[in-house]
Amino acid sequence: MNRFVLSLLLVVLTVLSSCDKNDLKPDVVTMRVADHRQDCVGVGPQKCLLVKTDGDTDWKFFYSGIEGFSYEEGFEYQLLVKREPIANPPADGSSIRYTLVEIVDKIKM
């Protein structure tokens, strides 16, 4: 009986250790960015971008930056953005890196 329990435990540990904790694969998403920032609290008080990604109906706070994107207040953007996991993210940071692929649209509001 002890051998069975030990064998079962070994199998379970092997399966769990082989699981990838970061299942997110790099992908490209469409992101709409509002024409203004809004007060929010992340690590501390800050101004967050408001974004909608594929399928969102409501604006959501975006605490991270988008590499290669220079935001201008007063413009609403439609962007193609690459999302990819960060292997060892900082404790107070995002586990996803966002990189600008293309500015699809920039509208003066």
C-alpha atoms as a PDB file:
ATOM      1  CA  MET A   1       0.000   0.000   0.000  1.00  0.00           C
ATOM      2  CA  ASN A   2       2.816   2.429   0.857  1.00  0.00           C
ATOM      3  CA  ARG A   3       4.463   1.787  -2.511  1.00  0.00           C
ATOM      4  CA  PHE A   4       1.198   2.620  -4.268  1.00  0.00           C
ATOM      5  CA  VAL A   5       0.813   5.904  -2.360  1.00  0.00           C
ATOM      6  CA  LEU A   6       4.451   6.770  -2.953  1.00  0.00           C
ATOM      7  CA  SER A   7       4.147   5.987  -6.673  1.00  0.00           C
ATOM      8  CA  LEU A   8       0.963   8.024  -6.953  1.00  0.00           C
ATOM      9  CA  LEU A   9       2.601  10.947  -5.171  1.00  0.00           C
ATOM     10  CA  LEU A  10       5.594  10.752  -7.498  1.00  0.00           C
ATOM     11  CA  VAL A  11       3.330  10.805 -10.571  1.00  0.00           C
ATOM     12  CA  VAL A  12       1.361  13.787  -9.262  1.00  0.00           C
ATOM     13  CA  LEU A  13       4.539  15.744  -8.467  1.00  0.00           C
ATOM     14  CA  THR A  14       5.973  14.967 -11.908  1.00  0.00           C
ATOM     15  CA  VAL A  15       2.812  16.168 -13.645  1.00  0.00           C
ATOM     16  CA  LEU A  16       2.630  19.345 -11.558  1.00  0.00           C
ATOM     17  CA  SER A  17       6.298  20.194 -12.062  1.00  0.00           C
ATOM     18  CA  SER A  18       5.967  19.829 -15.824  1.00  0.00           C
ATOM     19  CA  CYS A  19       3.082  22.305 -16.021  1.00  0.00           C
ATOM     20  CA  ASP A  20       4.011  25.640 -17.537  1.00  0.00           C
ATOM     21  CA  LYS A  21       2.905  28.376 -15.166  1.00  0.00           C
ATOM     22  CA  ASN A  22       2.850  30.860 -18.015  1.00  0.00           C
ATOM     23  CA  ASP A  23       0.426  29.424 -20.560  1.00  0.00           C
ATOM     24  CA  LEU A  24      -0.069  32.767 -22.325  1.00  0.00           C
ATOM     25  CA  LYS A  25       1.463  32.623 -25.784  1.00  0.00           C
ATOM     26  CA  PRO A  26       2.465  35.818 -27.593  1.00  0.00           C
ATOM     27  CA  ASP A  27      -0.443  37.179 -29.597  1.00  0.00           C
ATOM     28  CA  VAL A  28      -1.585  40.380 -31.269  1.00  0.00           C
ATOM     29  CA  VAL A  29      -4.746  42.128 -30.080  1.00  0.00           C
ATOM     30  CA  THR A  30      -6.683  45.184 -31.145  1.00  0.00           C
ATOM     31  CA  MET A  31      -6.737  47.815 -28.431  1.00  0.00           C
ATOM     32  CA  ARG A  32      -8.716  51.068 -28.356  1.00  0.00           C
ATOM     33  CA  VAL A  33      -7.236  53.822 -26.170  1.00  0.00           C
ATOM     34  CA  ALA A  34      -9.444  56.665 -24.877  1.00  0.00           C
ATOM     35  CA  ASP A  35      -8.644  60.337 -25.474  1.00  0.00           C
ATOM     36  CA  HIS A  36      -7.908  61.022 -21.797  1.00  0.00           C
ATOM     37  CA  ARG A  37      -6.271  59.391 -18.799  1.00  0.00           C
ATOM     38  CA  GLN A  38      -8.007  58.811 -15.503  1.00  0.00           C
ATOM     39  CA  ASP A  39      -6.843  58.754 -11.885  1.00  0.00           C
ATOM     40  CA  CYS A  40      -6.182  55.232 -10.628  1.00  0.00           C
ATOM     41  CA  VAL A  41      -4.162  53.492  -7.947  1.00  0.00           C
ATOM     42  CA  GLY A  42      -1.561  50.841  -8.795  1.00  0.00           C
ATOM     43  CA  VAL A  43       1.642  50.764  -6.780  1.00  0.00           C
ATOM     44  CA  GLY A  44       0.612  54.312  -5.859  1.00  0.00           C
ATOM     45  CA  PRO A  45      -1.685  57.024  -7.239  1.00  0.00           C
ATOM     46  CA  GLN A  46      -1.186  57.513 -10.972  1.00  0.00           C
ATOM     47  CA  LYS A  47      -2.941  58.381 -14.231  1.00  0.00           C
ATOM     48  CA  CYS A  48      -4.008  55.310 -16.222  1.00  0.00           C
ATOM     49  CA  LEU A  49      -4.885  54.939 -19.844  1.00  0.00           C
ATOM     50  CA  LEU A  50      -8.433  53.761 -20.482  1.00  0.00           C
ATOM     51  CA  VAL A  51      -8.559  50.877 -22.943  1.00  0.00           C
ATOM     52  CA  LYS A  52     -10.904  48.433 -24.604  1.00  0.00           C
ATOM     53  CA  THR A  53      -9.559  45.216 -26.067  1.00  0.00           C
ATOM     54  CA  ASP A  54     -11.268  42.727 -28.367  1.00  0.00           C
ATOM     55  CA  GLY A  55     -14.874  42.300 -27.245  1.00  0.00           C
ATOM     56  CA  ASP A  56     -14.829  44.825 -24.351  1.00  0.00           C
ATOM     57  CA  THR A  57     -17.788  47.186 -24.069  1.00  0.00           C
ATOM     58  CA  ASP A  58     -16.541  49.188 -21.071  1.00  0.00           C
ATOM     59  CA  TRP A  59     -13.324  51.147 -20.638  1.00  0.00           C
ATOM     60  CA  LYS A  60     -10.813  49.519 -18.282  1.00  0.00           C
ATOM     61  CA  PHE A  61      -7.784  50.945 -16.479  1.00  0.00           C
ATOM     62  CA  PHE A  62      -4.488  50.083 -18.147  1.00  0.00           C
ATOM     63  CA  TYR A  63      -1.678  50.261 -15.590  1.00  0.00           C
ATOM     64  CA  SER A  64       1.187  49.203 -17.881  1.00  0.00           C
ATOM     65  CA  GLY A  65       2.900  51.039 -20.672  1.00  0.00           C
ATOM     66  CA  ILE A  66       2.950  50.024 -24.329  1.00  0.00           C
ATOM     67  CA  GLU A  67       6.498  49.848 -25.665  1.00  0.00           C
ATOM     68  CA  GLY A  68       6.921  52.031 -28.752  1.00  0.00           C
ATOM     69  CA  PHE A  69       3.660  53.981 -28.179  1.00  0.00           C
ATOM     70  CA  SER A  70       3.704  57.713 -27.406  1.00  0.00           C
ATOM     71  CA  TYR A  71       0.289  58.720 -26.076  1.00  0.00           C
ATOM     72  CA  GLU A  72      -1.101  62.194 -26.844  1.00  0.00           C
ATOM     73  CA  GLU A  73      -4.005  63.511 -24.761  1.00  0.00           C
ATOM     74  CA  GLY A  74      -7.036  64.463 -26.879  1.00  0.00           C
ATOM     75  CA  PHE A  75      -6.697  61.630 -29.395  1.00  0.00           C
ATOM     76  CA  GLU A  76      -8.470  58.283 -29.397  1.00  0.00           C
ATOM     77  CA  TYR A  77      -6.378  55.456 -30.833  1.00  0.00           C
ATOM     78  CA  GLN A  78      -6.962  52.064 -32.324  1.00  0.00           C
ATOM     79  CA  LEU A  79      -3.803  49.993 -31.979  1.00  0.00           C
ATOM     80  CA  LEU A  80      -2.508  46.571 -32.840  1.00  0.00           C
ATOM     81  CA  VAL A  81      -0.539  45.461 -29.790  1.00  0.00           C
ATOM     82  CA  LYS A  82       1.564  42.360 -29.212  1.00  0.00           C
ATOM     83  CA  ARG A  83       1.074  40.749 -25.791  1.00  0.00           C
ATOM     84  CA  GLU A  84       3.728  38.397 -24.510  1.00  0.00           C
ATOM     85  CA  PRO A  85       4.465  36.895 -21.113  1.00  0.00           C
ATOM     86  CA  ILE A  86       7.336  38.131 -18.980  1.00  0.00           C
ATOM     87  CA  ALA A  87       9.294  35.194 -17.585  1.00  0.00           C
ATOM     88  CA  ASN A  88      10.173  36.704 -14.187  1.00  0.00           C
ATOM     89  CA  PRO A  89       8.004  39.805 -13.664  1.00  0.00           C
ATOM     90  CA  PRO A  90       8.660  42.146 -10.745  1.00  0.00           C
ATOM     91  CA  ALA A  91       6.366  41.605  -7.748  1.00  0.00           C
ATOM     92  CA  ASP A  92       4.610  44.924  -8.304  1.00  0.00           C
ATOM     93  CA  GLY A  93       4.592  44.809 -12.113  1.00  0.00           C
ATOM     94  CA  SER A  94       2.649  43.249 -14.936  1.00  0.00           C
ATOM     95  CA  SER A  95       3.339  39.690 -16.039  1.00  0.00           C
ATOM     96  CA  ILE A  96       2.586  40.731 -19.637  1.00  0.00           C
ATOM     97  CA  ARG A  97       4.676  42.953 -21.936  1.00  0.00           C
ATOM     98  CA  TYR A  98       2.761  45.105 -24.416  1.00  0.00           C
ATOM     99  CA  THR A  99       4.502  46.249 -27.602  1.00  0.00           C
ATOM    100  CA  LEU A 100       3.040  48.475 -30.320  1.00  0.00           C
ATOM    101  CA  VAL A 101       2.734  46.732 -33.671  1.00  0.00           C
ATOM    102  CA  GLU A 102       0.778  49.418 -35.538  1.00  0.00           C
ATOM    103  CA  ILE A 103      -1.327  52.547 -34.980  1.00  0.00           C
ATOM    104  CA  VAL A 104      -4.411  51.669 -37.031  1.00  0.00           C
ATOM    105  CA  ASP A 105      -6.327  54.892 -36.313  1.00  0.00           C
ATOM    106  CA  LYS A 106      -5.736  58.187 -34.476  1.00  0.00           C
ATOM    107  CA  ILE A 107      -8.784  60.443 -34.126  1.00  0.00           C
ATOM    108  CA  LYS A 108      -8.780  63.986 -32.680  1.00  0.00           C
ATOM    109  CA  MET A 109     -11.555  64.252 -30.088  1.00  0.00           C
END
